[in-house]
Amino acid sequence: MEHLIVSEISRHGYLAIFLLMTLESACIPVPSEVVMLFGGALTTGLTIAGVSSHLNILVIGLLGVLGNLLGSLIAYWVGKTGGRVLVEKWGRYALLRHKDLDKAEAFFAKFGEVAVLIGRILPVVRTFISFPAGIAEMPVAKFSLFTLIGSLPWVFALAYTGRAVAGNWNNISGYFTPISILFALVIVGLIVWWYVRRRAEVTDSN
């Protein structure tokens, strides 16, 4: 995945950054950290990973934010138009119940703005926060506003960090794989913990 991201940005520049950030926010696990760090590195005028940098830091930041917004709206729309039906039909296999949807709706009705705002700057969470927001039918104007506000600092911080560390890119890029593996293990661990906990709750209720 990391090699693919670097390759696509090297070949297609701004377009690749926009599309990759759109995919990341549409619930497809593309690591935005790699996308924006490498994009930022390509704004220094240095040769990074064999590529002569030529991008503009403000342009890639804005494209990253717009990609986040578009991808988030896609996931939001999927959640709003078919998410409840999907969960009601197949959710029992993941131990999701009808009342869980009601709880999600109540949560987003009360804390939706904060959840989206904070969720946009949290790794992993930021990729998937839009879908439940759509299921809960959070007002799209509020959702879009807080998605933009939450995305701006995250995206630009990554871009400027990439620009700052560009001279050491070869050394830093070596850490991407172990960090990705660590995140994957954490995610799998949380899923297993949630499933075991939910199974116990369902068993007790029966």
C-alpha atoms as a PDB file:
ATOM      1  CA  MET A   1       0.000   0.000   0.000  1.00  0.00           C
ATOM      2  CA  GLU A   2       2.776   2.442   0.902  1.00  0.00           C
ATOM      3  CA  HIS A   3       4.654   1.666  -2.314  1.00  0.00           C
ATOM      4  CA  LEU A   4       1.450   2.105  -4.332  1.00  0.00           C
ATOM      5  CA  ILE A   5       0.751   5.489  -2.710  1.00  0.00           C
ATOM      6  CA  VAL A   6       4.265   6.788  -3.372  1.00  0.00           C
ATOM      7  CA  SER A   7       4.122   5.485  -6.939  1.00  0.00           C
ATOM      8  CA  GLU A   8       0.745   7.066  -7.729  1.00  0.00           C
ATOM      9  CA  ILE A   9       1.645  10.449  -6.220  1.00  0.00           C
ATOM     10  CA  SER A  10       4.950  10.381  -8.091  1.00  0.00           C
ATOM     11  CA  ARG A  11       3.111   9.786 -11.382  1.00  0.00           C
ATOM     12  CA  HIS A  12      -0.053  11.852 -10.957  1.00  0.00           C
ATOM     13  CA  GLY A  13       0.776  14.471  -8.323  1.00  0.00           C
ATOM     14  CA  TYR A  14      -2.205  16.571  -7.233  1.00  0.00           C
ATOM     15  CA  LEU A  15      -4.822  14.262  -8.752  1.00  0.00           C
ATOM     16  CA  ALA A  16      -3.452  11.250  -6.876  1.00  0.00           C
ATOM     17  CA  ILE A  17      -3.471  13.128  -3.573  1.00  0.00           C
ATOM     18  CA  PHE A  18      -7.081  14.206  -4.070  1.00  0.00           C
ATOM     19  CA  LEU A  19      -8.303  10.734  -5.084  1.00  0.00           C
ATOM     20  CA  LEU A  20      -6.358   8.889  -2.370  1.00  0.00           C
ATOM     21  CA  MET A  21      -7.669  11.217   0.332  1.00  0.00           C
ATOM     22  CA  THR A  22     -11.183  10.752  -1.061  1.00  0.00           C
ATOM     23  CA  LEU A  23     -10.830   6.973  -0.839  1.00  0.00           C
ATOM     24  CA  GLU A  24      -9.470   7.215   2.703  1.00  0.00           C
ATOM     25  CA  SER A  25     -12.548   9.102   3.888  1.00  0.00           C
ATOM     26  CA  ALA A  26     -14.932   6.811   1.999  1.00  0.00           C
ATOM     27  CA  CYS A  27     -14.171   3.958   4.435  1.00  0.00           C
ATOM     28  CA  ILE A  28     -11.353   2.515   2.322  1.00  0.00           C
ATOM     29  CA  PRO A  29      -8.288   2.135   4.576  1.00  0.00           C
ATOM     30  CA  VAL A  30      -5.768   4.209   2.623  1.00  0.00           C
ATOM     31  CA  PRO A  31      -3.273   5.659   5.133  1.00  0.00           C
ATOM     32  CA  SER A  32      -3.674   9.422   4.870  1.00  0.00           C
ATOM     33  CA  GLU A  33      -0.499   9.794   6.907  1.00  0.00           C
ATOM     34  CA  VAL A  34       1.589   8.392   4.060  1.00  0.00           C
ATOM     35  CA  VAL A  35      -0.351  10.326   1.410  1.00  0.00           C
ATOM     36  CA  MET A  36       0.048  13.747   3.003  1.00  0.00           C
ATOM     37  CA  LEU A  37       3.557  13.194   4.371  1.00  0.00           C
ATOM     38  CA  PHE A  38       4.842  12.205   0.941  1.00  0.00           C
ATOM     39  CA  GLY A  39       2.853  14.989  -0.696  1.00  0.00           C
ATOM     40  CA  GLY A  40       4.406  17.473   1.715  1.00  0.00           C
ATOM     41  CA  ALA A  41       7.865  16.082   1.046  1.00  0.00           C
ATOM     42  CA  LEU A  42       7.368  16.759  -2.665  1.00  0.00           C
ATOM     43  CA  THR A  43       7.083  20.515  -2.054  1.00  0.00           C
ATOM     44  CA  THR A  44      10.697  21.076  -1.032  1.00  0.00           C
ATOM     45  CA  GLY A  45      12.497  21.041  -4.384  1.00  0.00           C
ATOM     46  CA  LEU A  46      14.466  17.986  -3.269  1.00  0.00           C
ATOM     47  CA  THR A  47      14.526  14.603  -4.982  1.00  0.00           C
ATOM     48  CA  ILE A  48      12.415  12.312  -2.797  1.00  0.00           C
ATOM     49  CA  ALA A  49      12.229   8.552  -3.461  1.00  0.00           C
ATOM     50  CA  GLY A  50      13.712   9.195  -6.881  1.00  0.00           C
ATOM     51  CA  VAL A  51      11.147  11.888  -7.701  1.00  0.00           C
ATOM     52  CA  SER A  52      11.959  15.558  -8.229  1.00  0.00           C
ATOM     53  CA  SER A  53       9.550  17.501  -6.033  1.00  0.00           C
ATOM     54  CA  HIS A  54       7.430  20.145  -7.703  1.00  0.00           C
ATOM     55  CA  LEU A  55       4.180  20.448  -5.745  1.00  0.00           C
ATOM     56  CA  ASN A  56       2.781  23.431  -3.840  1.00  0.00           C
ATOM     57  CA  ILE A  57       2.154  22.940  -0.111  1.00  0.00           C
ATOM     58  CA  LEU A  58      -1.066  24.981  -0.007  1.00  0.00           C
ATOM     59  CA  VAL A  59      -2.517  23.241  -3.051  1.00  0.00           C
ATOM     60  CA  ILE A  60      -1.884  19.736  -1.735  1.00  0.00           C
ATOM     61  CA  GLY A  61      -3.278  20.738   1.660  1.00  0.00           C
ATOM     62  CA  LEU A  62      -6.482  22.094   0.133  1.00  0.00           C
ATOM     63  CA  LEU A  63      -6.832  19.079  -2.157  1.00  0.00           C
ATOM     64  CA  GLY A  64      -6.349  16.783   0.822  1.00  0.00           C
ATOM     65  CA  VAL A  65      -9.095  18.573   2.753  1.00  0.00           C
ATOM     66  CA  LEU A  66     -11.467  18.567  -0.234  1.00  0.00           C
ATOM     67  CA  GLY A  67     -10.746  14.883  -0.792  1.00  0.00           C
ATOM     68  CA  ASN A  68     -11.591  14.237   2.848  1.00  0.00           C
ATOM     69  CA  LEU A  69     -14.857  16.117   2.478  1.00  0.00           C
ATOM     70  CA  LEU A  70     -15.890  14.329  -0.723  1.00  0.00           C
ATOM     71  CA  GLY A  71     -15.029  10.880   0.630  1.00  0.00           C
ATOM     72  CA  SER A  72     -16.809  11.631   3.891  1.00  0.00           C
ATOM     73  CA  LEU A  73     -19.946  12.725   2.045  1.00  0.00           C
ATOM     74  CA  ILE A  74     -19.888   9.504   0.003  1.00  0.00           C
ATOM     75  CA  ALA A  75     -19.668   7.387   3.173  1.00  0.00           C
ATOM     76  CA  TYR A  76     -22.299   9.593   4.835  1.00  0.00           C
ATOM     77  CA  TRP A  77     -24.661   9.143   1.878  1.00  0.00           C
ATOM     78  CA  VAL A  78     -24.172   5.357   1.872  1.00  0.00           C
ATOM     79  CA  GLY A  79     -24.910   5.271   5.590  1.00  0.00           C
ATOM     80  CA  LYS A  80     -27.965   7.499   5.268  1.00  0.00           C
ATOM     81  CA  THR A  81     -29.535   5.754   2.277  1.00  0.00           C
ATOM     82  CA  GLY A  82     -28.747   2.128   3.019  1.00  0.00           C
ATOM     83  CA  GLY A  83     -26.844   1.809   6.267  1.00  0.00           C
ATOM     84  CA  ARG A  84     -29.804   1.098   8.530  1.00  0.00           C
ATOM     85  CA  VAL A  85     -31.201  -1.521   6.124  1.00  0.00           C
ATOM     86  CA  LEU A  86     -27.750  -3.110   5.843  1.00  0.00           C
ATOM     87  CA  VAL A  87     -27.284  -3.299   9.609  1.00  0.00           C
ATOM     88  CA  GLU A  88     -30.832  -4.538  10.219  1.00  0.00           C
ATOM     89  CA  LYS A  89     -30.382  -7.290   7.624  1.00  0.00           C
ATOM     90  CA  TRP A  90     -26.832  -8.401   8.335  1.00  0.00           C
ATOM     91  CA  GLY A  91     -26.002  -6.792  11.672  1.00  0.00           C
ATOM     92  CA  ARG A  92     -26.965  -9.888  13.661  1.00  0.00           C
ATOM     93  CA  TYR A  93     -23.850 -11.595  12.320  1.00  0.00           C
ATOM     94  CA  ALA A  94     -21.778  -8.873  14.003  1.00  0.00           C
ATOM     95  CA  LEU A  95     -24.075  -8.940  17.048  1.00  0.00           C
ATOM     96  CA  LEU A  96     -25.532  -5.540  16.196  1.00  0.00           C
ATOM     97  CA  ARG A  97     -29.110  -5.058  17.352  1.00  0.00           C
ATOM     98  CA  HIS A  98     -31.898  -2.661  16.387  1.00  0.00           C
ATOM     99  CA  LYS A  99     -31.516  -0.794  19.657  1.00  0.00           C
ATOM    100  CA  ASP A 100     -27.833  -0.188  18.817  1.00  0.00           C
ATOM    101  CA  LEU A 101     -28.997   1.856  15.822  1.00  0.00           C
ATOM    102  CA  ASP A 102     -31.339   3.803  18.068  1.00  0.00           C
ATOM    103  CA  LYS A 103     -28.477   4.492  20.459  1.00  0.00           C
ATOM    104  CA  ALA A 104     -26.283   5.652  17.575  1.00  0.00           C
ATOM    105  CA  GLU A 105     -28.980   8.043  16.394  1.00  0.00           C
ATOM    106  CA  ALA A 106     -29.424   9.434  19.910  1.00  0.00           C
ATOM    107  CA  PHE A 107     -25.662   9.838  20.298  1.00  0.00           C
ATOM    108  CA  PHE A 108     -25.219  11.747  17.038  1.00  0.00           C
ATOM    109  CA  ALA A 109     -28.274  13.856  17.770  1.00  0.00           C
ATOM    110  CA  LYS A 110     -26.639  14.974  21.019  1.00  0.00           C
ATOM    111  CA  PHE A 111     -22.900  14.796  20.341  1.00  0.00           C
ATOM    112  CA  GLY A 112     -22.657  14.564  16.538  1.00  0.00           C
ATOM    113  CA  GLU A 113     -20.692  17.772  16.021  1.00  0.00           C
ATOM    114  CA  VAL A 114     -18.091  16.869  18.652  1.00  0.00           C
ATOM    115  CA  ALA A 115     -17.876  13.249  17.469  1.00  0.00           C
ATOM    116  CA  VAL A 116     -17.207  14.254  13.853  1.00  0.00           C
ATOM    117  CA  LEU A 117     -14.823  17.054  14.836  1.00  0.00           C
ATOM    118  CA  ILE A 118     -12.693  14.883  17.115  1.00  0.00           C
ATOM    119  CA  GLY A 119     -13.090  11.799  14.933  1.00  0.00           C
ATOM    120  CA  ARG A 120     -11.559  13.615  11.945  1.00  0.00           C
ATOM    121  CA  ILE A 121      -8.208  13.939  13.731  1.00  0.00           C
ATOM    122  CA  LEU A 122      -8.012  10.409  15.162  1.00  0.00           C
ATOM    123  CA  PRO A 123      -6.249   7.687  13.159  1.00  0.00           C
ATOM    124  CA  VAL A 124      -8.549   4.854  12.026  1.00  0.00           C
ATOM    125  CA  VAL A 125     -11.632   6.545  13.534  1.00  0.00           C
ATOM    126  CA  ARG A 126     -11.425   9.318  10.938  1.00  0.00           C
ATOM    127  CA  THR A 127     -11.781   6.771   8.148  1.00  0.00           C
ATOM    128  CA  PHE A 128     -15.057   5.334   9.425  1.00  0.00           C
ATOM    129  CA  ILE A 129     -16.824   8.121  11.373  1.00  0.00           C
ATOM    130  CA  SER A 130     -18.898   9.252   8.378  1.00  0.00           C
ATOM    131  CA  PHE A 131     -20.853   6.031   7.902  1.00  0.00           C
ATOM    132  CA  PRO A 132     -22.519   5.991  11.359  1.00  0.00           C
ATOM    133  CA  ALA A 133     -23.118   9.739  11.061  1.00  0.00           C
ATOM    134  CA  GLY A 134     -25.097   8.998   7.901  1.00  0.00           C
ATOM    135  CA  ILE A 135     -27.026   6.152   9.527  1.00  0.00           C
ATOM    136  CA  ALA A 136     -27.940   8.510  12.375  1.00  0.00           C
ATOM    137  CA  GLU A 137     -29.010  11.107   9.767  1.00  0.00           C
ATOM    138  CA  MET A 138     -26.912  13.888  11.231  1.00  0.00           C
ATOM    139  CA  PRO A 139     -27.784  17.122   9.343  1.00  0.00           C
ATOM    140  CA  VAL A 140     -25.563  17.161   6.257  1.00  0.00           C
ATOM    141  CA  ALA A 141     -24.688  20.857   6.599  1.00  0.00           C
ATOM    142  CA  LYS A 142     -23.394  20.366  10.147  1.00  0.00           C
ATOM    143  CA  PHE A 143     -21.635  17.167   9.137  1.00  0.00           C
ATOM    144  CA  SER A 144     -19.857  18.910   6.254  1.00  0.00           C
ATOM    145  CA  LEU A 145     -18.875  21.920   8.357  1.00  0.00           C
ATOM    146  CA  PHE A 146     -17.356  19.904  11.183  1.00  0.00           C
ATOM    147  CA  THR A 147     -15.688  17.516   8.729  1.00  0.00           C
ATOM    148  CA  LEU A 148     -13.943  20.510   7.146  1.00  0.00           C
ATOM    149  CA  ILE A 149     -12.977  22.006  10.494  1.00  0.00           C
ATOM    150  CA  GLY A 150     -11.631  18.684  11.749  1.00  0.00           C
ATOM    151  CA  SER A 151      -9.786  17.853   8.527  1.00  0.00           C
ATOM    152  CA  LEU A 152      -7.947  21.160   8.114  1.00  0.00           C
ATOM    153  CA  PRO A 153      -5.472  20.873  11.022  1.00  0.00           C
ATOM    154  CA  TRP A 154      -4.855  17.154  10.479  1.00  0.00           C
ATOM    155  CA  VAL A 155      -4.200  17.401   6.745  1.00  0.00           C
ATOM    156  CA  PHE A 156      -2.047  20.527   6.852  1.00  0.00           C
ATOM    157  CA  ALA A 157      -0.084  19.273   9.881  1.00  0.00           C
ATOM    158  CA  LEU A 158       0.804  16.110   7.971  1.00  0.00           C
ATOM    159  CA  ALA A 159       1.718  18.064   4.840  1.00  0.00           C
ATOM    160  CA  TYR A 160       4.010  20.471   6.690  1.00  0.00           C
ATOM    161  CA  THR A 161       5.534  17.599   8.683  1.00  0.00           C
ATOM    162  CA  GLY A 162       6.323  15.840   5.409  1.00  0.00           C
ATOM    163  CA  ARG A 163       7.909  19.024   4.129  1.00  0.00           C
ATOM    164  CA  ALA A 164       9.999  19.370   7.305  1.00  0.00           C
ATOM    165  CA  VAL A 165      11.337  15.799   7.244  1.00  0.00           C
ATOM    166  CA  ALA A 166      11.802  15.513   3.476  1.00  0.00           C
ATOM    167  CA  GLY A 167      15.592  15.511   3.752  1.00  0.00           C
ATOM    168  CA  ASN A 168      15.430  12.328   5.864  1.00  0.00           C
ATOM    169  CA  TRP A 169      12.664  10.652   3.872  1.00  0.00           C
ATOM    170  CA  ASN A 170      14.538   7.406   3.209  1.00  0.00           C
ATOM    171  CA  ASN A 171      15.140   6.892   6.926  1.00  0.00           C
ATOM    172  CA  ILE A 172      11.649   7.878   8.015  1.00  0.00           C
ATOM    173  CA  SER A 173       9.795   5.831   5.398  1.00  0.00           C
ATOM    174  CA  GLY A 174      11.293   2.697   6.919  1.00  0.00           C
ATOM    175  CA  TYR A 175       9.084   3.215   9.973  1.00  0.00           C
ATOM    176  CA  PHE A 176       5.817   3.175   8.019  1.00  0.00           C
ATOM    177  CA  THR A 177       5.554  -0.611   7.826  1.00  0.00           C
ATOM    178  CA  PRO A 178       6.043  -1.395  11.551  1.00  0.00           C
ATOM    179  CA  ILE A 179       3.700   1.463  12.498  1.00  0.00           C
ATOM    180  CA  SER A 180       1.079   0.131  10.080  1.00  0.00           C
ATOM    181  CA  ILE A 181       1.435  -3.362  11.554  1.00  0.00           C
ATOM    182  CA  LEU A 182       1.044  -1.945  15.065  1.00  0.00           C
ATOM    183  CA  PHE A 183      -2.126  -0.086  14.101  1.00  0.00           C
ATOM    184  CA  ALA A 184      -3.496  -3.230  12.442  1.00  0.00           C
ATOM    185  CA  LEU A 185      -2.862  -5.275  15.586  1.00  0.00           C
ATOM    186  CA  VAL A 186      -4.549  -2.638  17.730  1.00  0.00           C
ATOM    187  CA  ILE A 187      -7.583  -2.581  15.426  1.00  0.00           C
ATOM    188  CA  VAL A 188      -7.867  -6.379  15.397  1.00  0.00           C
ATOM    189  CA  GLY A 189      -7.498  -6.432  19.182  1.00  0.00           C
ATOM    190  CA  LEU A 190     -10.271  -3.870  19.627  1.00  0.00           C
ATOM    191  CA  ILE A 191     -12.571  -5.786  17.269  1.00  0.00           C
ATOM    192  CA  VAL A 192     -11.985  -9.040  19.151  1.00  0.00           C
ATOM    193  CA  TRP A 193     -12.516  -7.301  22.507  1.00  0.00           C
ATOM    194  CA  TRP A 194     -15.753  -5.700  21.295  1.00  0.00           C
ATOM    195  CA  TYR A 195     -17.050  -8.971  19.830  1.00  0.00           C
ATOM    196  CA  VAL A 196     -16.321 -10.974  22.987  1.00  0.00           C
ATOM    197  CA  ARG A 197     -17.904  -8.273  25.158  1.00  0.00           C
ATOM    198  CA  ARG A 198     -20.986  -8.002  22.943  1.00  0.00           C
ATOM    199  CA  ARG A 199     -21.385 -11.800  22.773  1.00  0.00           C
ATOM    200  CA  ALA A 200     -21.353 -11.915  26.575  1.00  0.00           C
ATOM    201  CA  GLU A 201     -24.010  -9.180  26.722  1.00  0.00           C
ATOM    202  CA  VAL A 202     -26.234 -10.997  24.230  1.00  0.00           C
ATOM    203  CA  THR A 203     -25.830 -14.280  26.118  1.00  0.00           C
ATOM    204  CA  ASP A 204     -26.709 -12.622  29.436  1.00  0.00           C
ATOM    205  CA  SER A 205     -29.782 -10.937  27.959  1.00  0.00           C
ATOM    206  CA  ASN A 206     -31.054 -14.291  26.754  1.00  0.00           C
END
